[in-house]
Amino acid sequence: MSPGWVGVPTFCRCNLTSPQSWNSQKAIPTMGKSIALAGLLVLLLVLLVFQYMITSVPGLEPPIVVRDARLVDDDNSLMVSLIGHDGRRFTVGLRGEMTEKPEEAALFFISRPDLVPYVYWPGYRSNDEKRVLRLLGAWAKTQDAPAPGELTAVIESGLPAQGAAHATAYQIYTVLKDRN
């Protein structure tokens, strides 16, 4: 035994000078590992871009039109679709008690309903909620504000076709404005 191995346990001793003592199995070449790692990184980047694409608030080009107002009684959801000048749709809504506790209603939106109908629930007073508020604020600047009693009457009447989308969008806007 050489003097350099004194005090070293037997299982740690190996002959580092002879390649024959190394693992005799064929290892994956370093190039193959690099390509696999690069492929995983590209896949991760693509998934991150896709996640951002389906959870971001779009910048709709004016004039913004509101359509397709819906009230779902089962879960107290109020939804409306906003359509920009270029035809891009953005569905936004609130879920919760609209008449008694509108400040506790949870915001949700579907950024690209035609591509992936993924419902995103941003947190209370989050940056995404503020972006939705800015988008609805840009729309509300071009509209006449309905009377407060008119909003409740339109919503409780089951959302008739005429004026329902305007009242729904404005109700969502006022709830977000009061909360933020």
N, C-alpha and C. Protein backbone atom coordinates (compact mmCIF):
# COMPACT_ATOMS: atom_id res chain seq x y z
N MET A 1 0.85 -1.17 0.00
CA MET A 1 0.00 0.00 0.00
C MET A 1 0.90 1.24 0.00
N SER A 2 0.50 2.19 -0.78
CA SER A 2 1.30 3.40 -0.89
C SER A 2 1.07 4.28 0.32
N PRO A 3 2.02 5.12 0.64
CA PRO A 3 1.88 5.96 1.83
C PRO A 3 0.74 6.97 1.71
N GLY A 4 0.25 7.28 0.49
CA GLY A 4 -0.84 8.24 0.32
C GLY A 4 -2.19 7.68 0.75
N TRP A 5 -2.29 6.35 0.90
CA TRP A 5 -3.57 5.71 1.23
C TRP A 5 -3.70 5.41 2.71
N VAL A 6 -2.76 5.81 3.51
CA VAL A 6 -2.81 5.52 4.93
C VAL A 6 -3.96 6.31 5.56
N GLY A 7 -4.82 5.64 6.28
CA GLY A 7 -5.94 6.28 6.95
C GLY A 7 -7.18 6.42 6.10
N VAL A 8 -7.12 6.06 4.82
CA VAL A 8 -8.28 6.15 3.93
C VAL A 8 -9.00 4.81 3.97
N PRO A 9 -10.32 4.80 4.20
CA PRO A 9 -11.05 3.52 4.24
C PRO A 9 -10.90 2.77 2.92
N THR A 10 -11.06 1.47 2.98
CA THR A 10 -10.85 0.61 1.82
C THR A 10 -11.83 0.91 0.69
N PHE A 11 -13.10 1.20 1.02
CA PHE A 11 -14.08 1.44 -0.03
C PHE A 11 -13.83 2.72 -0.80
N CYS A 12 -13.00 3.64 -0.29
CA CYS A 12 -12.69 4.89 -1.00
C CYS A 12 -11.47 4.76 -1.89
N ARG A 13 -10.72 3.66 -1.77
CA ARG A 13 -9.50 3.52 -2.55
C ARG A 13 -9.83 3.05 -3.95
N CYS A 14 -9.30 3.68 -4.92
CA CYS A 14 -9.45 3.24 -6.29
C CYS A 14 -8.22 3.64 -7.07
N ASN A 15 -8.01 2.97 -8.15
CA ASN A 15 -6.85 3.25 -8.99
C ASN A 15 -7.27 4.28 -10.04
N LEU A 16 -6.90 5.53 -9.84
CA LEU A 16 -7.30 6.60 -10.74
C LEU A 16 -6.41 6.71 -11.96
N THR A 17 -5.31 6.00 -11.97
CA THR A 17 -4.40 6.12 -13.10
C THR A 17 -4.73 5.15 -14.22
N SER A 18 -5.48 4.11 -13.97
CA SER A 18 -5.75 3.10 -14.98
C SER A 18 -7.21 3.18 -15.42
N PRO A 19 -7.48 3.47 -16.71
CA PRO A 19 -8.85 3.55 -17.20
C PRO A 19 -9.57 2.22 -17.12
N GLN A 20 -8.87 1.09 -17.05
CA GLN A 20 -9.52 -0.20 -16.96
C GLN A 20 -10.29 -0.36 -15.66
N SER A 21 -9.92 0.35 -14.63
CA SER A 21 -10.62 0.23 -13.35
C SER A 21 -11.88 1.09 -13.30
N TRP A 22 -12.05 1.99 -14.26
CA TRP A 22 -13.25 2.81 -14.30
C TRP A 22 -14.42 1.97 -14.74
N ASN A 23 -15.60 2.54 -14.68
CA ASN A 23 -16.81 1.83 -15.07
C ASN A 23 -16.69 1.38 -16.52
N SER A 24 -16.85 0.10 -16.74
CA SER A 24 -16.65 -0.43 -18.08
C SER A 24 -17.88 -0.29 -18.97
N GLN A 25 -19.01 0.11 -18.41
CA GLN A 25 -20.21 0.28 -19.23
C GLN A 25 -20.06 1.51 -20.11
N LYS A 26 -20.73 1.45 -21.27
CA LYS A 26 -20.67 2.60 -22.17
C LYS A 26 -21.56 3.70 -21.61
N ALA A 27 -21.01 4.87 -21.47
CA ALA A 27 -21.76 6.02 -20.95
C ALA A 27 -22.35 6.78 -22.12
N ILE A 28 -23.43 7.51 -21.84
CA ILE A 28 -24.02 8.38 -22.86
C ILE A 28 -23.02 9.47 -23.16
N PRO A 29 -22.74 9.69 -24.41
CA PRO A 29 -21.78 10.75 -24.73
C PRO A 29 -22.25 12.11 -24.20
N THR A 30 -21.31 12.94 -23.90
CA THR A 30 -21.60 14.26 -23.37
C THR A 30 -22.45 15.07 -24.34
N MET A 31 -22.27 14.87 -25.63
CA MET A 31 -23.05 15.59 -26.63
C MET A 31 -24.53 15.23 -26.52
N GLY A 32 -24.82 13.96 -26.30
CA GLY A 32 -26.21 13.51 -26.16
C GLY A 32 -26.88 14.12 -24.94
N LYS A 33 -26.14 14.20 -23.85
CA LYS A 33 -26.68 14.82 -22.63
C LYS A 33 -26.95 16.31 -22.85
N SER A 34 -26.06 16.96 -23.57
CA SER A 34 -26.24 18.39 -23.84
C SER A 34 -27.46 18.64 -24.71
N ILE A 35 -27.67 17.78 -25.70
CA ILE A 35 -28.84 17.94 -26.58
C ILE A 35 -30.12 17.69 -25.79
N ALA A 36 -30.12 16.68 -24.93
CA ALA A 36 -31.30 16.40 -24.11
C ALA A 36 -31.59 17.56 -23.16
N LEU A 37 -30.56 18.11 -22.55
CA LEU A 37 -30.75 19.24 -21.65
C LEU A 37 -31.25 20.46 -22.41
N ALA A 38 -30.70 20.72 -23.58
CA ALA A 38 -31.15 21.85 -24.39
C ALA A 38 -32.60 21.66 -24.81
N GLY A 39 -32.98 20.43 -25.16
CA GLY A 39 -34.37 20.15 -25.52
C GLY A 39 -35.32 20.39 -24.36
N LEU A 40 -34.92 19.99 -23.16
CA LEU A 40 -35.76 20.24 -21.98
C LEU A 40 -35.89 21.73 -21.68
N LEU A 41 -34.81 22.47 -21.86
CA LEU A 41 -34.86 23.92 -21.63
C LEU A 41 -35.78 24.61 -22.64
N VAL A 42 -35.72 24.17 -23.90
CA VAL A 42 -36.60 24.73 -24.93
C VAL A 42 -38.05 24.40 -24.60
N LEU A 43 -38.33 23.16 -24.19
CA LEU A 43 -39.68 22.77 -23.80
C LEU A 43 -40.18 23.61 -22.63
N LEU A 44 -39.33 23.83 -21.64
CA LEU A 44 -39.71 24.67 -20.50
C LEU A 44 -40.01 26.09 -20.95
N LEU A 45 -39.22 26.64 -21.83
CA LEU A 45 -39.44 28.00 -22.33
C LEU A 45 -40.76 28.08 -23.10
N VAL A 46 -41.05 27.08 -23.94
CA VAL A 46 -42.30 27.06 -24.69
C VAL A 46 -43.49 26.99 -23.73
N LEU A 47 -43.39 26.17 -22.70
CA LEU A 47 -44.49 26.06 -21.72
C LEU A 47 -44.68 27.36 -20.93
N LEU A 48 -43.60 28.04 -20.62
CA LEU A 48 -43.71 29.33 -19.92
C LEU A 48 -44.38 30.38 -20.80
N VAL A 49 -44.03 30.42 -22.08
CA VAL A 49 -44.66 31.36 -23.00
C VAL A 49 -46.14 31.04 -23.16
N PHE A 50 -46.47 29.76 -23.27
CA PHE A 50 -47.87 29.35 -23.39
C PHE A 50 -48.65 29.71 -22.13
N GLN A 51 -48.07 29.50 -20.97
CA GLN A 51 -48.74 29.86 -19.71
C GLN A 51 -48.97 31.36 -19.62
N TYR A 52 -48.00 32.15 -20.03
CA TYR A 52 -48.17 33.60 -20.04
C TYR A 52 -49.26 34.02 -21.02
N MET A 53 -49.30 33.33 -22.16
CA MET A 53 -50.26 33.67 -23.20
C MET A 53 -51.71 33.44 -22.73
N ILE A 54 -51.95 32.39 -21.96
CA ILE A 54 -53.32 32.09 -21.56
C ILE A 54 -53.71 32.72 -20.23
N THR A 55 -52.77 33.35 -19.53
CA THR A 55 -53.11 33.98 -18.25
C THR A 55 -52.87 35.47 -18.22
N SER A 56 -52.56 36.08 -19.35
CA SER A 56 -52.29 37.52 -19.34
C SER A 56 -53.53 38.29 -19.79
N VAL A 57 -53.62 39.51 -19.32
CA VAL A 57 -54.71 40.40 -19.72
C VAL A 57 -54.32 41.07 -21.03
N PRO A 58 -55.13 40.91 -22.07
CA PRO A 58 -54.74 41.48 -23.37
C PRO A 58 -54.94 42.99 -23.41
N GLY A 59 -54.23 43.63 -24.26
CA GLY A 59 -54.42 45.06 -24.52
C GLY A 59 -55.33 45.20 -25.72
N LEU A 60 -56.63 45.21 -25.50
CA LEU A 60 -57.58 45.28 -26.61
C LEU A 60 -57.55 46.67 -27.23
N GLU A 61 -57.59 46.69 -28.54
CA GLU A 61 -57.59 47.95 -29.28
C GLU A 61 -58.99 48.56 -29.28
N PRO A 62 -59.09 49.88 -29.00
CA PRO A 62 -60.40 50.53 -29.05
C PRO A 62 -60.92 50.61 -30.47
N PRO A 63 -62.15 50.65 -30.71
CA PRO A 63 -63.24 50.64 -29.73
C PRO A 63 -63.49 49.22 -29.21
N ILE A 64 -63.73 49.14 -27.90
CA ILE A 64 -64.02 47.86 -27.26
C ILE A 64 -65.53 47.69 -27.19
N VAL A 65 -65.99 46.53 -27.62
CA VAL A 65 -67.42 46.22 -27.64
C VAL A 65 -67.67 45.13 -26.60
N VAL A 66 -68.76 45.26 -25.85
CA VAL A 66 -69.13 44.21 -24.90
C VAL A 66 -70.27 43.39 -25.48
N ARG A 67 -70.18 42.08 -25.29
CA ARG A 67 -71.20 41.16 -25.81
C ARG A 67 -71.31 39.97 -24.88
N ASP A 68 -72.33 39.18 -25.13
CA ASP A 68 -72.51 37.87 -24.48
C ASP A 68 -72.50 37.94 -22.96
N ALA A 69 -73.38 38.74 -22.40
CA ALA A 69 -73.49 38.80 -20.95
C ALA A 69 -74.22 37.56 -20.46
N ARG A 70 -73.71 36.99 -19.36
CA ARG A 70 -74.32 35.80 -18.80
C ARG A 70 -74.35 35.88 -17.29
N LEU A 71 -75.44 35.37 -16.74
CA LEU A 71 -75.59 35.24 -15.29
C LEU A 71 -75.86 33.77 -15.01
N VAL A 72 -74.99 33.14 -14.24
CA VAL A 72 -75.16 31.73 -13.88
C VAL A 72 -75.60 31.70 -12.43
N ASP A 73 -76.87 31.30 -12.22
CA ASP A 73 -77.44 31.32 -10.88
C ASP A 73 -76.83 30.28 -9.95
N ASP A 74 -76.38 29.15 -10.49
CA ASP A 74 -75.87 28.07 -9.65
C ASP A 74 -74.71 28.51 -8.77
N ASP A 75 -73.80 29.27 -9.33
CA ASP A 75 -72.63 29.71 -8.56
C ASP A 75 -72.52 31.24 -8.48
N ASN A 76 -73.59 31.94 -8.79
CA ASN A 76 -73.62 33.41 -8.72
C ASN A 76 -72.49 34.03 -9.55
N SER A 77 -72.35 33.59 -10.77
CA SER A 77 -71.32 34.13 -11.65
C SER A 77 -71.94 35.12 -12.63
N LEU A 78 -71.21 36.18 -12.86
CA LEU A 78 -71.61 37.23 -13.79
C LEU A 78 -70.47 37.38 -14.78
N MET A 79 -70.74 37.16 -16.10
CA MET A 79 -69.68 37.17 -17.11
C MET A 79 -70.06 38.05 -18.29
N VAL A 80 -69.04 38.56 -18.95
CA VAL A 80 -69.24 39.34 -20.16
C VAL A 80 -68.00 39.17 -21.04
N SER A 81 -68.20 39.22 -22.35
CA SER A 81 -67.09 39.13 -23.29
C SER A 81 -66.79 40.51 -23.85
N LEU A 82 -65.52 40.88 -23.85
CA LEU A 82 -65.06 42.13 -24.44
C LEU A 82 -64.38 41.79 -25.76
N ILE A 83 -64.68 42.56 -26.79
CA ILE A 83 -64.10 42.31 -28.10
C ILE A 83 -63.44 43.59 -28.58
N GLY A 84 -62.16 43.48 -28.91
CA GLY A 84 -61.40 44.63 -29.39
C GLY A 84 -61.64 44.89 -30.87
N HIS A 85 -61.04 45.97 -31.36
CA HIS A 85 -61.19 46.37 -32.75
C HIS A 85 -60.69 45.29 -33.72
N ASP A 86 -59.65 44.57 -33.30
CA ASP A 86 -59.08 43.53 -34.16
C ASP A 86 -59.82 42.20 -34.06
N GLY A 87 -60.89 42.11 -33.27
CA GLY A 87 -61.70 40.90 -33.16
C GLY A 87 -61.29 39.97 -32.05
N ARG A 88 -60.30 40.33 -31.26
CA ARG A 88 -59.83 39.47 -30.17
C ARG A 88 -60.82 39.53 -29.01
N ARG A 89 -61.20 38.35 -28.51
CA ARG A 89 -62.15 38.25 -27.40
C ARG A 89 -61.43 38.09 -26.07
N PHE A 90 -62.05 38.60 -25.03
CA PHE A 90 -61.56 38.48 -23.67
C PHE A 90 -62.79 38.37 -22.78
N THR A 91 -62.93 37.26 -22.09
CA THR A 91 -64.09 37.05 -21.22
C THR A 91 -63.68 37.31 -19.79
N VAL A 92 -64.48 38.11 -19.10
CA VAL A 92 -64.18 38.48 -17.71
C VAL A 92 -65.46 38.33 -16.90
N GLY A 93 -65.29 38.04 -15.62
CA GLY A 93 -66.47 37.89 -14.79
C GLY A 93 -66.15 37.92 -13.31
N LEU A 94 -67.21 37.91 -12.53
CA LEU A 94 -67.11 37.86 -11.08
C LEU A 94 -67.93 36.68 -10.59
N ARG A 95 -67.45 36.05 -9.52
CA ARG A 95 -68.19 34.95 -8.92
C ARG A 95 -68.36 35.26 -7.44
N GLY A 96 -69.60 35.27 -7.01
CA GLY A 96 -69.89 35.56 -5.62
C GLY A 96 -71.21 36.31 -5.52
N GLU A 97 -71.52 36.77 -4.34
CA GLU A 97 -72.77 37.48 -4.09
C GLU A 97 -72.65 38.92 -4.60
N MET A 98 -73.35 39.21 -5.71
CA MET A 98 -73.24 40.52 -6.35
C MET A 98 -74.07 41.60 -5.64
N THR A 99 -75.20 41.22 -5.05
CA THR A 99 -76.08 42.23 -4.48
C THR A 99 -75.74 42.53 -3.02
N GLU A 100 -75.38 41.51 -2.23
CA GLU A 100 -75.13 41.74 -0.81
C GLU A 100 -73.67 42.03 -0.48
N LYS A 101 -72.74 41.26 -1.08
CA LYS A 101 -71.31 41.43 -0.79
C LYS A 101 -70.49 41.48 -2.08
N PRO A 102 -70.65 42.53 -2.87
CA PRO A 102 -69.91 42.56 -4.14
C PRO A 102 -68.40 42.69 -3.96
N GLU A 103 -67.96 43.24 -2.83
CA GLU A 103 -66.51 43.41 -2.62
C GLU A 103 -65.80 42.08 -2.38
N GLU A 104 -66.55 41.02 -2.05
CA GLU A 104 -65.95 39.71 -1.82
C GLU A 104 -66.01 38.81 -3.06
N ALA A 105 -66.58 39.30 -4.13
CA ALA A 105 -66.70 38.50 -5.35
C ALA A 105 -65.32 38.29 -5.97
N ALA A 106 -65.07 37.07 -6.40
CA ALA A 106 -63.78 36.72 -6.99
C ALA A 106 -63.79 37.01 -8.49
N LEU A 107 -62.73 37.65 -8.95
CA LEU A 107 -62.58 37.93 -10.37
C LEU A 107 -62.02 36.71 -11.09
N PHE A 108 -62.49 36.46 -12.30
CA PHE A 108 -61.90 35.44 -13.15
C PHE A 108 -61.94 35.94 -14.58
N PHE A 109 -61.07 35.41 -15.41
CA PHE A 109 -61.11 35.76 -16.82
C PHE A 109 -60.54 34.63 -17.67
N ILE A 110 -60.93 34.67 -18.93
CA ILE A 110 -60.42 33.75 -19.93
C ILE A 110 -59.76 34.62 -20.99
N SER A 111 -58.45 34.56 -21.05
CA SER A 111 -57.71 35.46 -21.92
C SER A 111 -57.88 35.14 -23.39
N ARG A 112 -57.83 33.89 -23.75
CA ARG A 112 -57.97 33.46 -25.14
C ARG A 112 -59.00 32.34 -25.23
N PRO A 113 -60.29 32.69 -25.16
CA PRO A 113 -61.33 31.65 -25.15
C PRO A 113 -61.40 30.84 -26.43
N ASP A 114 -60.94 31.39 -27.55
CA ASP A 114 -60.97 30.65 -28.80
C ASP A 114 -59.84 29.62 -28.89
N LEU A 115 -58.71 29.90 -28.26
CA LEU A 115 -57.56 29.01 -28.30
C LEU A 115 -57.64 27.95 -27.20
N VAL A 116 -57.67 28.38 -25.95
CA VAL A 116 -57.74 27.48 -24.80
C VAL A 116 -58.72 28.09 -23.80
N PRO A 117 -59.81 27.41 -23.52
CA PRO A 117 -60.78 27.97 -22.56
C PRO A 117 -60.32 27.76 -21.11
N TYR A 118 -59.20 28.37 -20.76
CA TYR A 118 -58.61 28.24 -19.43
C TYR A 118 -59.08 29.40 -18.56
N VAL A 119 -59.73 29.08 -17.45
CA VAL A 119 -60.22 30.12 -16.54
C VAL A 119 -59.12 30.43 -15.54
N TYR A 120 -58.74 31.69 -15.49
CA TYR A 120 -57.68 32.14 -14.58
C TYR A 120 -58.31 32.96 -13.46
N TRP A 121 -57.94 32.67 -12.23
CA TRP A 121 -58.47 33.35 -11.05
C TRP A 121 -57.36 34.16 -10.39
N PRO A 122 -57.20 35.42 -10.74
CA PRO A 122 -56.15 36.22 -10.08
C PRO A 122 -56.52 36.52 -8.64
N GLY A 123 -55.54 36.83 -7.83
CA GLY A 123 -55.77 37.15 -6.43
C GLY A 123 -56.42 38.51 -6.25
N TYR A 124 -56.99 38.72 -5.05
CA TYR A 124 -57.59 40.01 -4.73
C TYR A 124 -56.55 41.10 -4.79
N ARG A 125 -56.89 42.19 -5.44
CA ARG A 125 -56.03 43.37 -5.56
C ARG A 125 -54.67 43.06 -6.19
N SER A 126 -54.62 42.03 -6.99
CA SER A 126 -53.37 41.66 -7.65
C SER A 126 -53.12 42.56 -8.86
N ASN A 127 -51.94 42.43 -9.44
CA ASN A 127 -51.63 43.22 -10.63
C ASN A 127 -52.54 42.86 -11.80
N ASP A 128 -52.89 41.57 -11.91
CA ASP A 128 -53.80 41.17 -12.99
C ASP A 128 -55.18 41.78 -12.79
N GLU A 129 -55.63 41.86 -11.55
CA GLU A 129 -56.93 42.50 -11.29
C GLU A 129 -56.88 43.98 -11.65
N LYS A 130 -55.77 44.62 -11.38
CA LYS A 130 -55.64 46.03 -11.73
C LYS A 130 -55.56 46.23 -13.25
N ARG A 131 -54.97 45.27 -13.96
CA ARG A 131 -54.93 45.36 -15.43
C ARG A 131 -56.33 45.22 -16.01
N VAL A 132 -57.14 44.31 -15.44
CA VAL A 132 -58.53 44.17 -15.89
C VAL A 132 -59.29 45.45 -15.59
N LEU A 133 -59.04 46.05 -14.43
CA LEU A 133 -59.69 47.31 -14.07
C LEU A 133 -59.31 48.41 -15.07
N ARG A 134 -58.04 48.49 -15.47
CA ARG A 134 -57.63 49.49 -16.47
C ARG A 134 -58.31 49.25 -17.81
N LEU A 135 -58.42 47.98 -18.21
CA LEU A 135 -59.07 47.65 -19.46
C LEU A 135 -60.54 48.04 -19.44
N LEU A 136 -61.23 47.70 -18.33
CA LEU A 136 -62.63 48.09 -18.21
C LEU A 136 -62.78 49.60 -18.04
N GLY A 137 -61.80 50.23 -17.40
CA GLY A 137 -61.84 51.69 -17.27
C GLY A 137 -61.72 52.39 -18.61
N ALA A 138 -60.88 51.85 -19.49
CA ALA A 138 -60.76 52.42 -20.84
C ALA A 138 -62.08 52.27 -21.59
N TRP A 139 -62.75 51.15 -21.39
CA TRP A 139 -64.06 50.95 -22.01
C TRP A 139 -65.10 51.89 -21.40
N ALA A 140 -65.10 52.02 -20.07
CA ALA A 140 -66.11 52.82 -19.37
C ALA A 140 -66.00 54.30 -19.71
N LYS A 141 -64.81 54.79 -20.06
CA LYS A 141 -64.65 56.20 -20.43
C LYS A 141 -65.45 56.56 -21.67
N THR A 142 -65.66 55.58 -22.53
CA THR A 142 -66.39 55.85 -23.77
C THR A 142 -67.89 55.57 -23.65
N GLN A 143 -68.33 55.16 -22.47
CA GLN A 143 -69.74 54.79 -22.27
C GLN A 143 -70.41 55.74 -21.29
N ASP A 144 -71.72 55.80 -21.36
CA ASP A 144 -72.49 56.53 -20.37
C ASP A 144 -72.75 55.59 -19.19
N ALA A 145 -72.50 56.08 -17.99
CA ALA A 145 -72.70 55.24 -16.81
C ALA A 145 -74.19 55.05 -16.54
N PRO A 146 -74.63 53.81 -16.40
CA PRO A 146 -76.03 53.58 -16.07
C PRO A 146 -76.32 53.96 -14.62
N ALA A 147 -77.56 54.20 -14.33
CA ALA A 147 -77.96 54.52 -12.95
C ALA A 147 -77.74 53.29 -12.08
N PRO A 148 -77.36 53.47 -10.80
CA PRO A 148 -77.11 52.32 -9.93
C PRO A 148 -78.30 51.36 -9.82
N GLY A 149 -79.51 51.85 -9.78
CA GLY A 149 -80.68 50.98 -9.72
C GLY A 149 -80.88 50.19 -11.00
N GLU A 150 -80.45 50.78 -12.11
CA GLU A 150 -80.59 50.10 -13.40
C GLU A 150 -79.69 48.87 -13.47
N LEU A 151 -78.48 48.96 -12.90
CA LEU A 151 -77.58 47.81 -12.90
C LEU A 151 -78.19 46.63 -12.17
N THR A 152 -78.68 46.87 -10.98
CA THR A 152 -79.26 45.79 -10.19
C THR A 152 -80.50 45.23 -10.85
N ALA A 153 -81.34 46.09 -11.42
CA ALA A 153 -82.57 45.63 -12.07
C ALA A 153 -82.27 44.77 -13.28
N VAL A 154 -81.29 45.17 -14.08
CA VAL A 154 -80.93 44.40 -15.28
C VAL A 154 -80.35 43.05 -14.88
N ILE A 155 -79.50 43.04 -13.87
CA ILE A 155 -78.86 41.79 -13.44
C ILE A 155 -79.88 40.84 -12.82
N GLU A 156 -80.76 41.35 -11.98
CA GLU A 156 -81.74 40.49 -11.32
C GLU A 156 -82.85 40.04 -12.26
N SER A 157 -83.06 40.74 -13.35
CA SER A 157 -84.14 40.35 -14.27
C SER A 157 -83.73 39.22 -15.21
N GLY A 158 -82.55 38.68 -15.04
CA GLY A 158 -82.12 37.56 -15.87
C GLY A 158 -81.39 37.99 -17.12
N LEU A 159 -80.89 39.19 -17.16
CA LEU A 159 -80.09 39.71 -18.26
C LEU A 159 -80.80 39.63 -19.61
N PRO A 160 -81.73 40.54 -19.85
CA PRO A 160 -82.33 40.57 -21.18
C PRO A 160 -81.28 40.99 -22.21
N ALA A 161 -81.57 40.71 -23.45
CA ALA A 161 -80.58 40.93 -24.51
C ALA A 161 -80.19 42.40 -24.64
N GLN A 162 -81.14 43.31 -24.57
CA GLN A 162 -80.86 44.72 -24.80
C GLN A 162 -80.29 45.37 -23.53
N GLY A 163 -79.08 45.84 -23.59
CA GLY A 163 -78.47 46.56 -22.47
C GLY A 163 -77.84 45.68 -21.42
N ALA A 164 -77.97 44.37 -21.54
CA ALA A 164 -77.43 43.48 -20.51
C ALA A 164 -75.91 43.49 -20.50
N ALA A 165 -75.29 43.44 -21.65
CA ALA A 165 -73.83 43.40 -21.72
C ALA A 165 -73.23 44.69 -21.15
N HIS A 166 -73.83 45.83 -21.49
CA HIS A 166 -73.35 47.11 -20.97
C HIS A 166 -73.47 47.15 -19.44
N ALA A 167 -74.62 46.76 -18.92
CA ALA A 167 -74.84 46.78 -17.47
C ALA A 167 -73.93 45.78 -16.75
N THR A 168 -73.72 44.62 -17.35
CA THR A 168 -72.85 43.61 -16.73
C THR A 168 -71.42 44.09 -16.67
N ALA A 169 -70.90 44.61 -17.77
CA ALA A 169 -69.53 45.11 -17.80
C ALA A 169 -69.35 46.27 -16.82
N TYR A 170 -70.35 47.12 -16.76
CA TYR A 170 -70.23 48.25 -15.84
C TYR A 170 -70.31 47.79 -14.38
N GLN A 171 -71.10 46.76 -14.08
CA GLN A 171 -71.18 46.21 -12.73
C GLN A 171 -69.82 45.63 -12.32
N ILE A 172 -69.20 44.89 -13.21
CA ILE A 172 -67.87 44.34 -12.92
C ILE A 172 -66.85 45.47 -12.72
N TYR A 173 -66.95 46.49 -13.55
CA TYR A 173 -66.04 47.64 -13.43
C TYR A 173 -66.21 48.35 -12.09
N THR A 174 -67.46 48.59 -11.67
CA THR A 174 -67.67 49.29 -10.40
C THR A 174 -67.21 48.46 -9.21
N VAL A 175 -67.40 47.16 -9.24
CA VAL A 175 -66.93 46.30 -8.14
C VAL A 175 -65.42 46.37 -8.04
N LEU A 176 -64.73 46.24 -9.17
CA LEU A 176 -63.26 46.30 -9.16
C LEU A 176 -62.75 47.68 -8.77
N LYS A 177 -63.43 48.72 -9.23
CA LYS A 177 -63.03 50.09 -8.91
C LYS A 177 -63.18 50.35 -7.41
N ASP A 178 -64.26 49.89 -6.83
CA ASP A 178 -64.47 50.08 -5.38
C ASP A 178 -63.48 49.27 -4.57
N ARG A 179 -63.10 48.12 -5.05
CA ARG A 179 -62.18 47.25 -4.31
C ARG A 179 -60.74 47.73 -4.39
N ASN A 180 -60.37 48.33 -5.52
CA ASN A 180 -58.98 48.77 -5.69
C ASN A 180 -58.91 50.26 -5.50
